[in-house]
Amino acid sequence: MNLEQNFAAKPNKKAWIYLGKVKPDTDEDVIRNYISRKLPEADELIVEKLNSAGKNESFKIGINFVFKDNISSAGIWPVGVLIRRFHFGKKPFLGETGEPTNENSQAPLEGTS
């Protein structure tokens, strides 16, 4: 057994940011290039376009946690865009069958039904 295969550094923690109210037809590459110009030392950048209900675009941005304050600064973004922490939705609770169930429902305790 090669011990070096089991030993590695922990991946860098990411800060996840929501970017909204971006003009239509803006894609991930435009956002990635913009951030790279504003924060050239930022590495491991992730940009994902989100499904937007309106006509504006929105994105989920993952960046090395040490750059959290830099990317959250209003000074680096164009006036009018929305920048905030990204909130991940709750994942559905999966029951014994692997199907989503109501999180508030509980199976009766054994011997109580």
C-alpha atoms as a PDB file:
ATOM      1  CA  MET A   1       0.000   0.000   0.000  1.00  0.00           C
ATOM      2  CA  ASN A   2       1.385   3.397  -0.976  1.00  0.00           C
ATOM      3  CA  LEU A   3       0.950   5.751   1.991  1.00  0.00           C
ATOM      4  CA  GLU A   4       1.397   8.832  -0.207  1.00  0.00           C
ATOM      5  CA  GLN A   5      -1.852   8.022  -2.044  1.00  0.00           C
ATOM      6  CA  ASN A   6      -3.781   8.304   1.241  1.00  0.00           C
ATOM      7  CA  PHE A   7      -2.184  11.570   2.348  1.00  0.00           C
ATOM      8  CA  ALA A   8      -3.102  14.895   0.779  1.00  0.00           C
ATOM      9  CA  ALA A   9      -3.916  18.443   1.760  1.00  0.00           C
ATOM     10  CA  LYS A  10      -7.539  19.291   2.414  1.00  0.00           C
ATOM     11  CA  PRO A  11      -9.095  21.162  -0.539  1.00  0.00           C
ATOM     12  CA  ASN A  12      -9.370  24.914  -0.053  1.00  0.00           C
ATOM     13  CA  LYS A  13     -12.626  26.052   1.524  1.00  0.00           C
ATOM     14  CA  LYS A  14     -14.847  28.004  -0.867  1.00  0.00           C
ATOM     15  CA  ALA A  15     -16.933  31.116  -0.322  1.00  0.00           C
ATOM     16  CA  TRP A  16     -20.129  30.946  -2.392  1.00  0.00           C
ATOM     17  CA  ILE A  17     -21.524  34.211  -3.728  1.00  0.00           C
ATOM     18  CA  TYR A  18     -24.769  35.055  -5.551  1.00  0.00           C
ATOM     19  CA  LEU A  19     -24.423  37.599  -8.359  1.00  0.00           C
ATOM     20  CA  GLY A  20     -27.721  38.897  -9.740  1.00  0.00           C
ATOM     21  CA  LYS A  21     -29.268  41.659 -11.841  1.00  0.00           C
ATOM     22  CA  VAL A  22     -26.682  41.085 -14.559  1.00  0.00           C
ATOM     23  CA  LYS A  23     -27.561  42.221 -18.083  1.00  0.00           C
ATOM     24  CA  PRO A  24     -29.120  39.579 -20.360  1.00  0.00           C
ATOM     25  CA  ASP A  25     -26.902  37.348 -22.496  1.00  0.00           C
ATOM     26  CA  THR A  26     -23.936  37.567 -20.100  1.00  0.00           C
ATOM     27  CA  ASP A  27     -22.256  34.174 -19.821  1.00  0.00           C
ATOM     28  CA  GLU A  28     -19.926  32.434 -17.364  1.00  0.00           C
ATOM     29  CA  ASP A  29     -16.770  33.352 -19.299  1.00  0.00           C
ATOM     30  CA  VAL A  30     -17.553  37.078 -19.103  1.00  0.00           C
ATOM     31  CA  ILE A  31     -17.998  36.859 -15.309  1.00  0.00           C
ATOM     32  CA  ARG A  32     -14.912  34.644 -14.870  1.00  0.00           C
ATOM     33  CA  ASN A  33     -12.753  37.037 -16.930  1.00  0.00           C
ATOM     34  CA  TYR A  34     -14.123  40.067 -15.067  1.00  0.00           C
ATOM     35  CA  ILE A  35     -13.287  38.558 -11.674  1.00  0.00           C
ATOM     36  CA  SER A  36      -9.849  37.456 -12.894  1.00  0.00           C
ATOM     37  CA  ARG A  37      -9.070  41.042 -13.933  1.00  0.00           C
ATOM     38  CA  LYS A  38     -10.312  42.494 -10.625  1.00  0.00           C
ATOM     39  CA  LEU A  39      -8.758  39.775  -8.414  1.00  0.00           C
ATOM     40  CA  PRO A  40      -5.845  38.342 -10.424  1.00  0.00           C
ATOM     41  CA  GLU A  41      -4.485  36.429  -7.418  1.00  0.00           C
ATOM     42  CA  ALA A  42      -7.784  34.536  -6.957  1.00  0.00           C
ATOM     43  CA  ASP A  43      -7.469  30.944  -8.087  1.00  0.00           C
ATOM     44  CA  GLU A  44      -9.846  27.990  -8.217  1.00  0.00           C
ATOM     45  CA  LEU A  45     -12.707  30.169  -9.444  1.00  0.00           C
ATOM     46  CA  ILE A  46     -16.062  28.514 -10.184  1.00  0.00           C
ATOM     47  CA  VAL A  47     -18.808  30.376 -12.070  1.00  0.00           C
ATOM     48  CA  GLU A  48     -22.199  28.768 -12.769  1.00  0.00           C
ATOM     49  CA  LYS A  49     -25.074  30.452 -14.579  1.00  0.00           C
ATOM     50  CA  LEU A  50     -28.371  30.024 -12.726  1.00  0.00           C
ATOM     51  CA  ASN A  51     -31.848  29.673 -14.202  1.00  0.00           C
ATOM     52  CA  SER A  52     -33.388  33.116 -13.879  1.00  0.00           C
ATOM     53  CA  ALA A  53     -37.119  33.738 -13.802  1.00  0.00           C
ATOM     54  CA  GLY A  54     -36.796  37.286 -15.143  1.00  0.00           C
ATOM     55  CA  LYS A  55     -34.920  38.838 -18.014  1.00  0.00           C
ATOM     56  CA  ASN A  56     -31.692  39.440 -16.050  1.00  0.00           C
ATOM     57  CA  GLU A  57     -28.965  36.832 -15.559  1.00  0.00           C
ATOM     58  CA  SER A  58     -27.712  35.471 -12.234  1.00  0.00           C
ATOM     59  CA  PHE A  59     -24.695  33.402 -11.240  1.00  0.00           C
ATOM     60  CA  LYS A  60     -23.317  31.279  -8.422  1.00  0.00           C
ATOM     61  CA  ILE A  61     -19.639  32.029  -7.811  1.00  0.00           C
ATOM     62  CA  GLY A  62     -17.251  29.858  -5.817  1.00  0.00           C
ATOM     63  CA  ILE A  63     -13.923  31.373  -4.811  1.00  0.00           C
ATOM     64  CA  ASN A  64     -11.139  30.475  -2.402  1.00  0.00           C
ATOM     65  CA  PHE A  65     -12.398  31.526   1.051  1.00  0.00           C
ATOM     66  CA  VAL A  66      -9.485  33.914   1.642  1.00  0.00           C
ATOM     67  CA  PHE A  67     -10.963  36.161  -1.095  1.00  0.00           C
ATOM     68  CA  LYS A  68     -14.475  36.276   0.443  1.00  0.00           C
ATOM     69  CA  ASP A  69     -14.235  39.902   1.568  1.00  0.00           C
ATOM     70  CA  ASN A  70     -12.601  41.024  -1.683  1.00  0.00           C
ATOM     71  CA  ILE A  71     -15.287  39.542  -3.934  1.00  0.00           C
ATOM     72  CA  SER A  72     -18.089  40.765  -1.646  1.00  0.00           C
ATOM     73  CA  SER A  73     -16.868  44.364  -1.870  1.00  0.00           C
ATOM     74  CA  ALA A  74     -19.302  46.565  -3.786  1.00  0.00           C
ATOM     75  CA  GLY A  75     -16.324  48.523  -5.134  1.00  0.00           C
ATOM     76  CA  ILE A  76     -15.307  45.836  -7.617  1.00  0.00           C
ATOM     77  CA  TRP A  77     -18.749  45.364  -9.186  1.00  0.00           C
ATOM     78  CA  PRO A  78     -20.643  47.528 -11.697  1.00  0.00           C
ATOM     79  CA  VAL A  79     -23.324  49.740 -10.168  1.00  0.00           C
ATOM     80  CA  GLY A  80     -26.710  48.019 -10.017  1.00  0.00           C
ATOM     81  CA  VAL A  81     -25.674  44.362  -9.775  1.00  0.00           C
ATOM     82  CA  LEU A  82     -26.710  42.400  -6.693  1.00  0.00           C
ATOM     83  CA  ILE A  83     -24.000  40.628  -4.709  1.00  0.00           C
ATOM     84  CA  ARG A  84     -24.645  38.537  -1.594  1.00  0.00           C
ATOM     85  CA  ARG A  85     -23.850  35.238   0.045  1.00  0.00           C
ATOM     86  CA  PHE A  86     -25.245  32.284  -1.909  1.00  0.00           C
ATOM     87  CA  HIS A  87     -27.905  30.341   0.023  1.00  0.00           C
ATOM     88  CA  PHE A  88     -28.039  26.668  -0.842  1.00  0.00           C
ATOM     89  CA  GLY A  89     -31.564  25.214  -0.783  1.00  0.00           C
ATOM     90  CA  LYS A  90     -32.466  22.404   1.566  1.00  0.00           C
ATOM     91  CA  LYS A  91     -32.019  18.949   0.147  1.00  0.00           C
ATOM     92  CA  PRO A  92     -35.097  16.721   0.454  1.00  0.00           C
ATOM     93  CA  PHE A  93     -35.043  14.135   3.217  1.00  0.00           C
ATOM     94  CA  LEU A  94     -34.864  10.665   1.686  1.00  0.00           C
ATOM     95  CA  GLY A  95     -36.750   7.886   3.411  1.00  0.00           C
ATOM     96  CA  GLU A  96     -35.902   4.191   3.480  1.00  0.00           C
ATOM     97  CA  THR A  97     -37.074   3.794  -0.122  1.00  0.00           C
ATOM     98  CA  GLY A  98     -34.799   6.585  -1.349  1.00  0.00           C
ATOM     99  CA  GLU A  99     -37.822   8.718  -2.244  1.00  0.00           C
ATOM    100  CA  PRO A 100     -38.236  12.281  -0.905  1.00  0.00           C
ATOM    101  CA  THR A 101     -40.519  12.424   2.118  1.00  0.00           C
ATOM    102  CA  ASN A 102     -42.045  15.170   4.220  1.00  0.00           C
ATOM    103  CA  GLU A 103     -39.276  16.306   6.600  1.00  0.00           C
ATOM    104  CA  ASN A 104     -41.788  16.740   9.418  1.00  0.00           C
ATOM    105  CA  SER A 105     -43.284  13.282   9.172  1.00  0.00           C
ATOM    106  CA  GLN A 106     -41.812  10.554  11.314  1.00  0.00           C
ATOM    107  CA  ALA A 107     -42.407   6.848  11.165  1.00  0.00           C
ATOM    108  CA  PRO A 108     -44.057   5.507  14.325  1.00  0.00           C
ATOM    109  CA  LEU A 109     -41.671   3.984  16.816  1.00  0.00           C
ATOM    110  CA  GLU A 110     -41.525   0.215  16.728  1.00  0.00           C
ATOM    111  CA  GLY A 111     -44.206  -1.269  18.962  1.00  0.00           C
ATOM    112  CA  THR A 112     -46.243   1.956  19.241  1.00  0.00           C
ATOM    113  CA  SER A 113     -48.524   1.572  16.236  1.00  0.00           C
END
